[in-house]
Amino acid sequence: MLRKIININEDICDGCGNCIPECHEGALQIIDGKARLISDLFCDGLGACLGHCPTNALTIVEREAIRYDEKKVMENIIRQGKNVIKAHLVHLKSHNQDEYFKQALAYLKLLRAD
């Protein structure tokens, strides 16, 4: 599927990690001294991480990528605790991602039911 997704210019990424806390989906990690997109399905393509890179190594591109999956994102971030979950929900709301917000809440409701 063609969609917007983060692109990292590894030649200019200095591995500072400023982008990591701004990626509420957990799509970015510092690996071998560089920011890396760990999975297309975690990147929502909204670019919350962009303005936090001092070298401008991050851009949004449109390319073939696995469809973003809110359920997989929630599975990934839930083990990081309530504050990370809350930050992710605020992120979704602030970007008017109502459908993903509903999916995230439905996932949390399912967990409570278990």
C-alpha atoms as a PDB file:
ATOM      1  CA  MET A   1       0.000   0.000   0.000  1.00  0.00           C
ATOM      2  CA  LEU A   2       1.233   3.504  -0.819  1.00  0.00           C
ATOM      3  CA  ARG A   3       1.223   5.763   2.260  1.00  0.00           C
ATOM      4  CA  LYS A   4       3.116   8.435   4.155  1.00  0.00           C
ATOM      5  CA  ILE A   5       5.876   7.163   6.413  1.00  0.00           C
ATOM      6  CA  ILE A   6       9.027   8.433   8.111  1.00  0.00           C
ATOM      7  CA  ASN A   7      12.319   8.361   6.231  1.00  0.00           C
ATOM      8  CA  ILE A   8      15.662   8.621   8.029  1.00  0.00           C
ATOM      9  CA  ASN A   9      18.727   9.923   6.232  1.00  0.00           C
ATOM     10  CA  GLU A  10      21.373   7.803   7.932  1.00  0.00           C
ATOM     11  CA  ASP A  11      24.168   9.931   6.465  1.00  0.00           C
ATOM     12  CA  ILE A  12      23.158  12.920   8.594  1.00  0.00           C
ATOM     13  CA  CYS A  13      21.501  11.225  11.598  1.00  0.00           C
ATOM     14  CA  ASP A  14      23.804  11.722  14.586  1.00  0.00           C
ATOM     15  CA  GLY A  15      21.935   9.288  16.843  1.00  0.00           C
ATOM     16  CA  CYS A  16      21.001  11.951  19.405  1.00  0.00           C
ATOM     17  CA  GLY A  17      17.689  10.193  20.146  1.00  0.00           C
ATOM     18  CA  ASN A  18      15.561  13.365  20.308  1.00  0.00           C
ATOM     19  CA  CYS A  19      13.067  11.740  17.953  1.00  0.00           C
ATOM     20  CA  ILE A  20      12.475   8.680  20.133  1.00  0.00           C
ATOM     21  CA  PRO A  21      10.227  10.157  22.856  1.00  0.00           C
ATOM     22  CA  GLU A  22       8.233  12.063  20.218  1.00  0.00           C
ATOM     23  CA  CYS A  23       7.319   8.829  18.416  1.00  0.00           C
ATOM     24  CA  HIS A  24       4.438   7.705  20.595  1.00  0.00           C
ATOM     25  CA  GLU A  25       3.905   4.588  18.504  1.00  0.00           C
ATOM     26  CA  GLY A  26       7.357   3.189  19.295  1.00  0.00           C
ATOM     27  CA  ALA A  27       8.352   3.044  15.627  1.00  0.00           C
ATOM     28  CA  LEU A  28      11.829   4.511  16.167  1.00  0.00           C
ATOM     29  CA  GLN A  29      14.810   3.188  18.082  1.00  0.00           C
ATOM     30  CA  ILE A  30      18.495   4.047  18.222  1.00  0.00           C
ATOM     31  CA  ILE A  31      20.355   1.061  16.802  1.00  0.00           C
ATOM     32  CA  ASP A  32      24.078   1.093  16.036  1.00  0.00           C
ATOM     33  CA  GLY A  33      24.200   4.825  16.782  1.00  0.00           C
ATOM     34  CA  LYS A  34      21.458   5.830  14.321  1.00  0.00           C
ATOM     35  CA  ALA A  35      17.695   6.331  14.481  1.00  0.00           C
ATOM     36  CA  ARG A  36      15.981   3.388  12.797  1.00  0.00           C
ATOM     37  CA  LEU A  37      12.398   2.706  11.815  1.00  0.00           C
ATOM     38  CA  ILE A  38      11.835  -0.672  13.443  1.00  0.00           C
ATOM     39  CA  SER A  39       8.595  -1.448  11.608  1.00  0.00           C
ATOM     40  CA  ASP A  40       6.464   0.234   8.968  1.00  0.00           C
ATOM     41  CA  LEU A  41       3.321  -0.937  10.745  1.00  0.00           C
ATOM     42  CA  PHE A  42       4.165   1.198  13.814  1.00  0.00           C
ATOM     43  CA  CYS A  43       4.693   4.478  11.907  1.00  0.00           C
ATOM     44  CA  ASP A  44       1.505   6.506  11.552  1.00  0.00           C
ATOM     45  CA  GLY A  45       3.173   8.922   9.126  1.00  0.00           C
ATOM     46  CA  LEU A  46       2.077  12.026  11.045  1.00  0.00           C
ATOM     47  CA  GLY A  47       5.632  13.224  11.670  1.00  0.00           C
ATOM     48  CA  ALA A  48       5.495  14.149  15.356  1.00  0.00           C
ATOM     49  CA  CYS A  49       9.222  13.336  15.475  1.00  0.00           C
ATOM     50  CA  LEU A  50      10.251  15.725  12.669  1.00  0.00           C
ATOM     51  CA  GLY A  51      10.741  18.969  14.551  1.00  0.00           C
ATOM     52  CA  HIS A  52      12.931  17.363  17.196  1.00  0.00           C
ATOM     53  CA  CYS A  53      15.810  16.309  14.948  1.00  0.00           C
ATOM     54  CA  PRO A  54      18.704  18.807  15.136  1.00  0.00           C
ATOM     55  CA  THR A  55      20.214  17.538  11.868  1.00  0.00           C
ATOM     56  CA  ASN A  56      16.927  17.374   9.886  1.00  0.00           C
ATOM     57  CA  ALA A  57      17.588  13.702   9.129  1.00  0.00           C
ATOM     58  CA  LEU A  58      13.881  12.889   9.342  1.00  0.00           C
ATOM     59  CA  THR A  59      11.382  13.492   6.568  1.00  0.00           C
ATOM     60  CA  ILE A  60       8.010  12.124   5.572  1.00  0.00           C
ATOM     61  CA  VAL A  61       7.893  10.312   2.254  1.00  0.00           C
ATOM     62  CA  GLU A  62       5.164   8.507   0.400  1.00  0.00           C
ATOM     63  CA  ARG A  63       6.160   4.946  -0.426  1.00  0.00           C
ATOM     64  CA  GLU A  64       5.010   1.362  -0.386  1.00  0.00           C
ATOM     65  CA  ALA A  65       4.695   0.319   3.248  1.00  0.00           C
ATOM     66  CA  ILE A  66       2.818  -2.111   5.432  1.00  0.00           C
ATOM     67  CA  ARG A  67      -0.491  -0.635   6.615  1.00  0.00           C
ATOM     68  CA  TYR A  68      -0.300   1.115  10.004  1.00  0.00           C
ATOM     69  CA  ASP A  69      -1.850  -1.136  12.650  1.00  0.00           C
ATOM     70  CA  GLU A  70      -3.148   0.506  15.832  1.00  0.00           C
ATOM     71  CA  LYS A  71      -3.659  -2.853  17.563  1.00  0.00           C
ATOM     72  CA  LYS A  72      -0.008  -3.802  16.969  1.00  0.00           C
ATOM     73  CA  VAL A  73       1.076  -0.362  18.210  1.00  0.00           C
ATOM     74  CA  MET A  74      -0.930  -0.837  21.399  1.00  0.00           C
ATOM     75  CA  GLU A  75       0.575  -4.304  21.888  1.00  0.00           C
ATOM     76  CA  ASN A  76       4.015  -2.727  21.501  1.00  0.00           C
ATOM     77  CA  ILE A  77       3.557   0.221  23.859  1.00  0.00           C
ATOM     78  CA  ILE A  78       1.319  -1.236  26.562  1.00  0.00           C
ATOM     79  CA  ARG A  79       4.232  -2.912  28.317  1.00  0.00           C
ATOM     80  CA  GLN A  80       5.898   0.502  28.637  1.00  0.00           C
ATOM     81  CA  GLY A  81       3.318   1.663  31.161  1.00  0.00           C
ATOM     82  CA  LYS A  82       0.422   4.022  31.689  1.00  0.00           C
ATOM     83  CA  ASN A  83       2.310   7.220  30.886  1.00  0.00           C
ATOM     84  CA  VAL A  84       3.336   5.945  27.445  1.00  0.00           C
ATOM     85  CA  ILE A  85      -0.210   4.794  26.725  1.00  0.00           C
ATOM     86  CA  LYS A  86      -1.564   8.173  27.829  1.00  0.00           C
ATOM     87  CA  ALA A  87       0.980  10.027  25.657  1.00  0.00           C
ATOM     88  CA  HIS A  88      -0.022   7.912  22.678  1.00  0.00           C
ATOM     89  CA  LEU A  89      -3.730   8.629  23.198  1.00  0.00           C
ATOM     90  CA  VAL A  90      -3.044  12.368  23.527  1.00  0.00           C
ATOM     91  CA  HIS A  91      -0.943  12.172  20.352  1.00  0.00           C
ATOM     92  CA  LEU A  92      -3.803  10.537  18.438  1.00  0.00           C
ATOM     93  CA  LYS A  93      -6.308  13.121  19.653  1.00  0.00           C
ATOM     94  CA  SER A  94      -4.021  16.074  18.918  1.00  0.00           C
ATOM     95  CA  HIS A  95      -3.639  14.867  15.319  1.00  0.00           C
ATOM     96  CA  ASN A  96      -7.395  14.261  14.922  1.00  0.00           C
ATOM     97  CA  GLN A  97      -6.861  10.538  14.428  1.00  0.00           C
ATOM     98  CA  ASP A  98     -10.320   9.669  15.749  1.00  0.00           C
ATOM     99  CA  GLU A  99     -10.511   6.215  14.182  1.00  0.00           C
ATOM    100  CA  TYR A 100      -7.142   5.143  15.598  1.00  0.00           C
ATOM    101  CA  PHE A 101      -8.126   6.665  18.956  1.00  0.00           C
ATOM    102  CA  LYS A 102     -11.289   4.531  18.978  1.00  0.00           C
ATOM    103  CA  GLN A 103      -9.254   1.441  18.060  1.00  0.00           C
ATOM    104  CA  ALA A 104      -6.810   2.122  20.902  1.00  0.00           C
ATOM    105  CA  LEU A 105      -9.622   2.541  23.424  1.00  0.00           C
ATOM    106  CA  ALA A 106     -11.305  -0.633  22.181  1.00  0.00           C
ATOM    107  CA  TYR A 107      -8.039  -2.519  22.650  1.00  0.00           C
ATOM    108  CA  LEU A 108      -7.655  -1.212  26.213  1.00  0.00           C
ATOM    109  CA  LYS A 109     -11.278  -2.108  26.973  1.00  0.00           C
ATOM    110  CA  LEU A 110     -10.643  -5.650  25.722  1.00  0.00           C
ATOM    111  CA  LEU A 111      -7.672  -5.972  28.079  1.00  0.00           C
ATOM    112  CA  ARG A 112      -9.757  -4.872  31.031  1.00  0.00           C
ATOM    113  CA  ALA A 113     -12.401  -7.458  30.137  1.00  0.00           C
ATOM    114  CA  ASP A 114      -9.847 -10.300  30.318  1.00  0.00           C
END
